[in-house]
Amino acid sequence: MSITLTPQQEAHIAALAARSGRSPADLVTEAVALWEARRDVYAQKDADRPARAAARILELRRGAKLPQGESIKSMIEHGRG
């Protein structure tokens, strides 16, 4: 496989490779592997995100009650006023 890079990108990769003492190909291969590993970790974290959000909402809602004599409708009307 080959990819097309701008001269600035090639220079940047070459400089990074020189500083790390590795070839540009090895550097890019490792960067892609790290990106894939991070992507997989974030995908796993995001998979249960809606369920965690719902659980948190229910937890926050626990014990929250409208004041005596108030209704959702009356609170909406008060907010519009």
C-alpha atoms as a PDB file:
ATOM      1  CA  MET A   1       0.000   0.000   0.000  1.00  0.00           C
ATOM      2  CA  SER A   2       1.175   3.507  -0.625  1.00  0.00           C
ATOM      3  CA  ILE A   3      -0.139   6.824   0.584  1.00  0.00           C
ATOM      4  CA  THR A   4       0.414  10.323  -0.690  1.00  0.00           C
ATOM      5  CA  LEU A   5       1.739  12.876   1.762  1.00  0.00           C
ATOM      6  CA  THR A   6       2.493  16.537   1.351  1.00  0.00           C
ATOM      7  CA  PRO A   7       6.173  17.495   1.508  1.00  0.00           C
ATOM      8  CA  GLN A   8       5.518  19.035   4.944  1.00  0.00           C
ATOM      9  CA  GLN A   9       3.978  15.794   6.219  1.00  0.00           C
ATOM     10  CA  GLU A  10       6.885  13.766   4.875  1.00  0.00           C
ATOM     11  CA  ALA A  11       9.362  16.120   6.536  1.00  0.00           C
ATOM     12  CA  HIS A  12       7.477  15.929   9.824  1.00  0.00           C
ATOM     13  CA  ILE A  13       7.430  12.127   9.786  1.00  0.00           C
ATOM     14  CA  ALA A  14      11.112  12.008   8.827  1.00  0.00           C
ATOM     15  CA  ALA A  15      11.982  14.341  11.714  1.00  0.00           C
ATOM     16  CA  LEU A  16       9.957  12.288  14.189  1.00  0.00           C
ATOM     17  CA  ALA A  17      11.572   9.091  12.933  1.00  0.00           C
ATOM     18  CA  ALA A  18      15.063  10.580  13.209  1.00  0.00           C
ATOM     19  CA  ARG A  19      14.413  11.694  16.797  1.00  0.00           C
ATOM     20  CA  SER A  20      13.107   8.268  17.772  1.00  0.00           C
ATOM     21  CA  GLY A  21      15.848   6.369  15.933  1.00  0.00           C
ATOM     22  CA  ARG A  22      13.391   4.397  13.825  1.00  0.00           C
ATOM     23  CA  SER A  23      12.510   4.270  10.185  1.00  0.00           C
ATOM     24  CA  PRO A  24       9.578   6.361   8.960  1.00  0.00           C
ATOM     25  CA  ALA A  25       7.732   3.153   7.995  1.00  0.00           C
ATOM     26  CA  ASP A  26       8.136   1.730  11.527  1.00  0.00           C
ATOM     27  CA  LEU A  27       7.005   5.010  13.043  1.00  0.00           C
ATOM     28  CA  VAL A  28       3.843   5.148  10.913  1.00  0.00           C
ATOM     29  CA  THR A  29       3.095   1.467  11.557  1.00  0.00           C
ATOM     30  CA  GLU A  30       3.319   2.015  15.318  1.00  0.00           C
ATOM     31  CA  ALA A  31       1.200   5.184  15.102  1.00  0.00           C
ATOM     32  CA  VAL A  32      -1.547   3.318  13.253  1.00  0.00           C
ATOM     33  CA  ALA A  33      -1.433   0.464  15.765  1.00  0.00           C
ATOM     34  CA  LEU A  34      -1.740   2.913  18.687  1.00  0.00           C
ATOM     35  CA  TRP A  35      -4.616   4.711  16.955  1.00  0.00           C
ATOM     36  CA  GLU A  36      -6.455   1.420  16.446  1.00  0.00           C
ATOM     37  CA  ALA A  37      -5.950   0.429  20.103  1.00  0.00           C
ATOM     38  CA  ARG A  38      -7.284   3.770  21.337  1.00  0.00           C
ATOM     39  CA  ARG A  39     -10.202   3.638  18.924  1.00  0.00           C
ATOM     40  CA  ASP A  40     -11.178   0.208  20.283  1.00  0.00           C
ATOM     41  CA  VAL A  41     -10.974   1.423  23.897  1.00  0.00           C
ATOM     42  CA  TYR A  42     -13.170   4.455  23.164  1.00  0.00           C
ATOM     43  CA  ALA A  43     -15.643   2.319  21.217  1.00  0.00           C
ATOM     44  CA  GLN A  44     -16.047   0.051  24.242  1.00  0.00           C
ATOM     45  CA  LYS A  45     -16.521   3.039  26.566  1.00  0.00           C
ATOM     46  CA  ASP A  46     -19.097   4.626  24.263  1.00  0.00           C
ATOM     47  CA  ALA A  47     -21.071   1.403  23.839  1.00  0.00           C
ATOM     48  CA  ASP A  48     -22.622   1.711  27.290  1.00  0.00           C
ATOM     49  CA  ARG A  49     -22.759   5.499  27.382  1.00  0.00           C
ATOM     50  CA  PRO A  50     -26.552   5.800  26.869  1.00  0.00           C
ATOM     51  CA  ALA A  51     -27.216   3.286  29.633  1.00  0.00           C
ATOM     52  CA  ARG A  52     -24.901   5.144  32.012  1.00  0.00           C
ATOM     53  CA  ALA A  53     -26.600   8.446  31.162  1.00  0.00           C
ATOM     54  CA  ALA A  54     -30.048   6.986  31.813  1.00  0.00           C
ATOM     55  CA  ALA A  55     -28.913   5.517  35.126  1.00  0.00           C
ATOM     56  CA  ARG A  56     -27.448   8.880  36.158  1.00  0.00           C
ATOM     57  CA  ILE A  57     -30.667  10.707  35.258  1.00  0.00           C
ATOM     58  CA  LEU A  58     -32.715   8.259  37.316  1.00  0.00           C
ATOM     59  CA  GLU A  59     -30.283   8.645  40.216  1.00  0.00           C
ATOM     60  CA  LEU A  60     -30.531  12.441  40.119  1.00  0.00           C
ATOM     61  CA  ARG A  61     -34.306  12.277  39.838  1.00  0.00           C
ATOM     62  CA  ARG A  62     -34.648  10.081  42.903  1.00  0.00           C
ATOM     63  CA  GLY A  63     -36.269  12.068  45.686  1.00  0.00           C
ATOM     64  CA  ALA A  64     -37.047  15.073  43.478  1.00  0.00           C
ATOM     65  CA  LYS A  65     -40.667  16.014  43.964  1.00  0.00           C
ATOM     66  CA  LEU A  66     -42.762  18.967  42.906  1.00  0.00           C
ATOM     67  CA  PRO A  67     -43.753  21.371  45.665  1.00  0.00           C
ATOM     68  CA  GLN A  68     -47.210  20.833  47.147  1.00  0.00           C
ATOM     69  CA  GLY A  69     -49.910  22.185  44.843  1.00  0.00           C
ATOM     70  CA  GLU A  70     -47.569  22.596  41.852  1.00  0.00           C
ATOM     71  CA  SER A  71     -47.828  20.791  38.548  1.00  0.00           C
ATOM     72  CA  ILE A  72     -45.501  20.569  35.563  1.00  0.00           C
ATOM     73  CA  LYS A  73     -47.990  22.660  33.606  1.00  0.00           C
ATOM     74  CA  SER A  74     -48.036  25.418  36.224  1.00  0.00           C
ATOM     75  CA  MET A  75     -44.230  25.489  36.304  1.00  0.00           C
ATOM     76  CA  ILE A  76     -44.089  25.765  32.509  1.00  0.00           C
ATOM     77  CA  GLU A  77     -46.573  28.627  32.579  1.00  0.00           C
ATOM     78  CA  HIS A  78     -44.578  30.339  35.316  1.00  0.00           C
ATOM     79  CA  GLY A  79     -41.411  30.010  33.222  1.00  0.00           C
ATOM     80  CA  ARG A  80     -43.122  31.558  30.199  1.00  0.00           C
ATOM     81  CA  GLY A  81     -44.447  34.474  32.210  1.00  0.00           C
END
